[in-house]
Protein backbone atom coordinates (compact mmCIF):
# COMPACT_ATOMS: atom_id res chain seq x y z
CA MET A 1 142.30 -66.95 -146.86
CA ALA A 2 139.20 -67.06 -146.54
CA ILE A 3 137.55 -64.19 -143.25
CA PRO A 4 136.38 -66.10 -140.62
CA THR A 5 132.96 -65.94 -139.49
CA ALA A 6 132.01 -63.59 -136.77
CA ALA A 7 130.72 -65.46 -133.48
CA ASP A 8 128.55 -64.62 -130.41
CA GLY A 9 130.09 -65.08 -126.46
CA HIS A 10 127.31 -67.54 -125.98
CA GLY A 11 129.19 -71.01 -124.38
CA LEU A 12 132.51 -69.23 -123.63
CA THR A 13 134.24 -70.45 -120.53
CA MET A 14 137.46 -70.16 -118.65
CA THR A 15 138.89 -72.36 -115.78
CA PHE A 16 142.27 -72.17 -114.10
CA SER A 17 143.82 -74.58 -111.52
CA GLY A 18 140.95 -75.37 -110.39
CA PHE A 19 138.84 -71.83 -110.51
CA ALA A 20 135.95 -71.75 -112.42
CA ALA A 21 132.60 -69.87 -112.23
CA ASN A 22 129.34 -69.19 -114.48
CA ILE A 23 131.26 -65.70 -116.52
CA ILE A 24 129.21 -62.95 -117.41
CA SER A 25 132.72 -61.50 -119.12
CA LEU A 26 136.10 -62.11 -120.12
CA SER A 27 138.55 -59.24 -121.54
CA GLY A 28 141.77 -60.43 -122.86
CA PRO A 29 144.01 -61.30 -123.53
CA ASN A 30 145.64 -58.50 -124.45
CA LEU A 31 148.43 -59.59 -127.18
CA SER A 32 151.38 -56.38 -127.53
CA ARG A 33 154.47 -56.21 -128.67
CA GLU A 34 156.87 -53.18 -127.62
CA SER A 35 158.21 -50.60 -130.55
CA ILE A 36 161.65 -49.34 -130.71
CA ASP A 37 162.20 -46.04 -131.84
CA LYS A 38 165.58 -45.96 -133.77
CA THR A 39 165.68 -42.09 -135.11
CA HIS A 40 168.49 -40.73 -135.39
CA MET A 41 170.75 -36.50 -136.09
CA GLY A 42 170.40 -38.11 -139.62
CA THR A 43 166.06 -39.14 -139.26
CA ALA A 44 164.40 -36.13 -141.59
CA ALA A 45 160.60 -35.22 -140.58
CA TRP A 46 159.71 -39.07 -139.57
CA LYS A 47 160.53 -40.99 -136.75
CA GLU A 48 161.30 -44.42 -137.17
CA PHE A 49 160.23 -46.97 -135.53
CA MET A 50 161.44 -50.94 -135.58
CA PRO A 51 158.94 -54.04 -133.56
CA ALA A 52 160.47 -55.28 -130.62
CA ASP A 53 161.51 -59.41 -130.83
CA LEU A 54 159.95 -60.13 -127.59
CA ALA A 55 155.87 -60.65 -127.56
CA GLU A 56 153.56 -60.37 -124.59
CA ALA A 57 150.59 -61.94 -124.19
CA GLY A 58 149.26 -59.08 -121.39
CA GLU A 59 146.28 -59.71 -119.28
CA VAL A 60 142.35 -61.51 -118.84
CA SER A 61 140.18 -60.08 -116.37
CA VAL A 62 136.97 -61.77 -116.15
CA GLU A 63 133.25 -60.91 -114.90
CA CYS A 64 131.51 -64.09 -112.75
CA GLU A 65 129.28 -65.08 -110.20
CA PHE A 66 130.53 -65.54 -107.02
CA ALA A 67 130.26 -68.66 -105.32
CA PRO A 68 131.28 -68.23 -101.79
CA ASP A 69 132.48 -71.71 -100.96
CA ALA A 70 136.10 -71.69 -102.09
CA LEU A 71 139.18 -69.02 -101.76
CA PRO A 72 140.34 -68.28 -104.75
CA PRO A 73 143.83 -69.12 -106.26
CA ILE A 74 144.79 -65.87 -105.38
CA ARG A 75 148.38 -67.09 -104.02
CA GLY A 76 148.93 -70.13 -106.18
CA ALA A 77 151.77 -71.46 -108.83
CA THR A 78 151.66 -70.71 -111.71
CA GLY A 79 149.46 -72.80 -113.92
CA ALA A 80 146.86 -73.06 -117.39
CA LEU A 81 144.24 -70.56 -117.81
CA VAL A 82 141.58 -72.74 -120.42
CA ILE A 83 139.80 -70.30 -122.50
CA THR A 84 137.04 -72.12 -125.02
CA TRP A 85 135.65 -69.25 -126.88
CA GLY A 86 132.44 -70.84 -127.30
CA SER A 87 130.18 -72.84 -129.31
CA THR A 88 131.27 -76.91 -129.57
CA GLU A 89 133.15 -75.91 -132.86
CA ALA A 90 135.00 -73.19 -131.01
CA ASP A 91 138.92 -72.65 -130.61
CA ILE A 92 140.41 -72.75 -127.18
CA TRP A 93 143.61 -71.04 -126.05
CA THR A 94 145.16 -72.40 -123.32
CA CYS A 95 147.80 -70.04 -121.28
CA GLN A 96 150.45 -69.67 -118.62
CA ALA A 97 148.87 -67.54 -115.58
CA PHE A 98 148.70 -66.76 -112.66
CA MET A 99 145.98 -64.79 -110.59
CA THR A 100 146.66 -60.85 -109.77
CA GLY A 101 143.69 -60.18 -107.96
CA PHE A 102 139.88 -61.23 -107.23
CA SER A 103 137.21 -58.90 -105.54
CA VAL A 104 133.58 -59.90 -104.95
CA SER A 105 130.24 -57.44 -105.04
CA ALA A 106 127.30 -57.96 -103.56
CA GLY A 107 124.00 -56.76 -103.33
CA GLU A 108 120.39 -56.42 -101.63
CA THR A 109 118.47 -60.05 -100.88
CA GLY A 110 117.63 -61.24 -104.42
CA ALA A 111 120.29 -59.69 -106.47
CA ARG A 112 123.29 -61.96 -107.69
CA MET A 113 126.62 -61.74 -105.88
CA MET A 114 129.58 -60.82 -108.30
CA ALA A 115 132.92 -61.14 -108.51
CA SER A 116 135.96 -60.07 -110.63
CA ALA A 117 139.28 -61.55 -111.23
CA SER A 118 142.44 -60.72 -113.14
CA PHE A 119 145.30 -62.70 -114.62
CA LYS A 120 148.86 -62.22 -115.98
CA LEU A 121 149.85 -63.96 -118.89
CA THR A 122 153.64 -65.49 -119.38
CA GLY A 123 154.36 -66.88 -122.28
CA ALA A 124 153.12 -67.53 -125.50
CA PRO A 125 148.69 -68.76 -125.81
CA VAL A 126 148.40 -71.82 -127.15
CA VAL A 127 145.34 -72.74 -130.04
CA SER A 128 144.15 -75.88 -129.76
């Protein structure tokens, strides 16, 4: 198997249920799986664990430019969150998600207005 080439974040985009913004930074998805302790009274010296059957896609957090012309879909239903990872040859991850947070920060005159948004993912991401 070939080692993939590293890429920068230029061209990264994210959309969710009609919500799109100029992305400054994106964190996540945070894929994880629980471990199950299978240690018993006969275990010698070291605890033992096994992997849980279910994995979790975690959350996505995004920092973006704030555009005050529309409310974010904070009360919206679960929908498709689509992340395009950079260049024109980039992979696209599509996840079912819902918005869990949205906050705005605005500074002095002439400064860019910013927003932070968070999304809880549900189910498996699909890579295309």
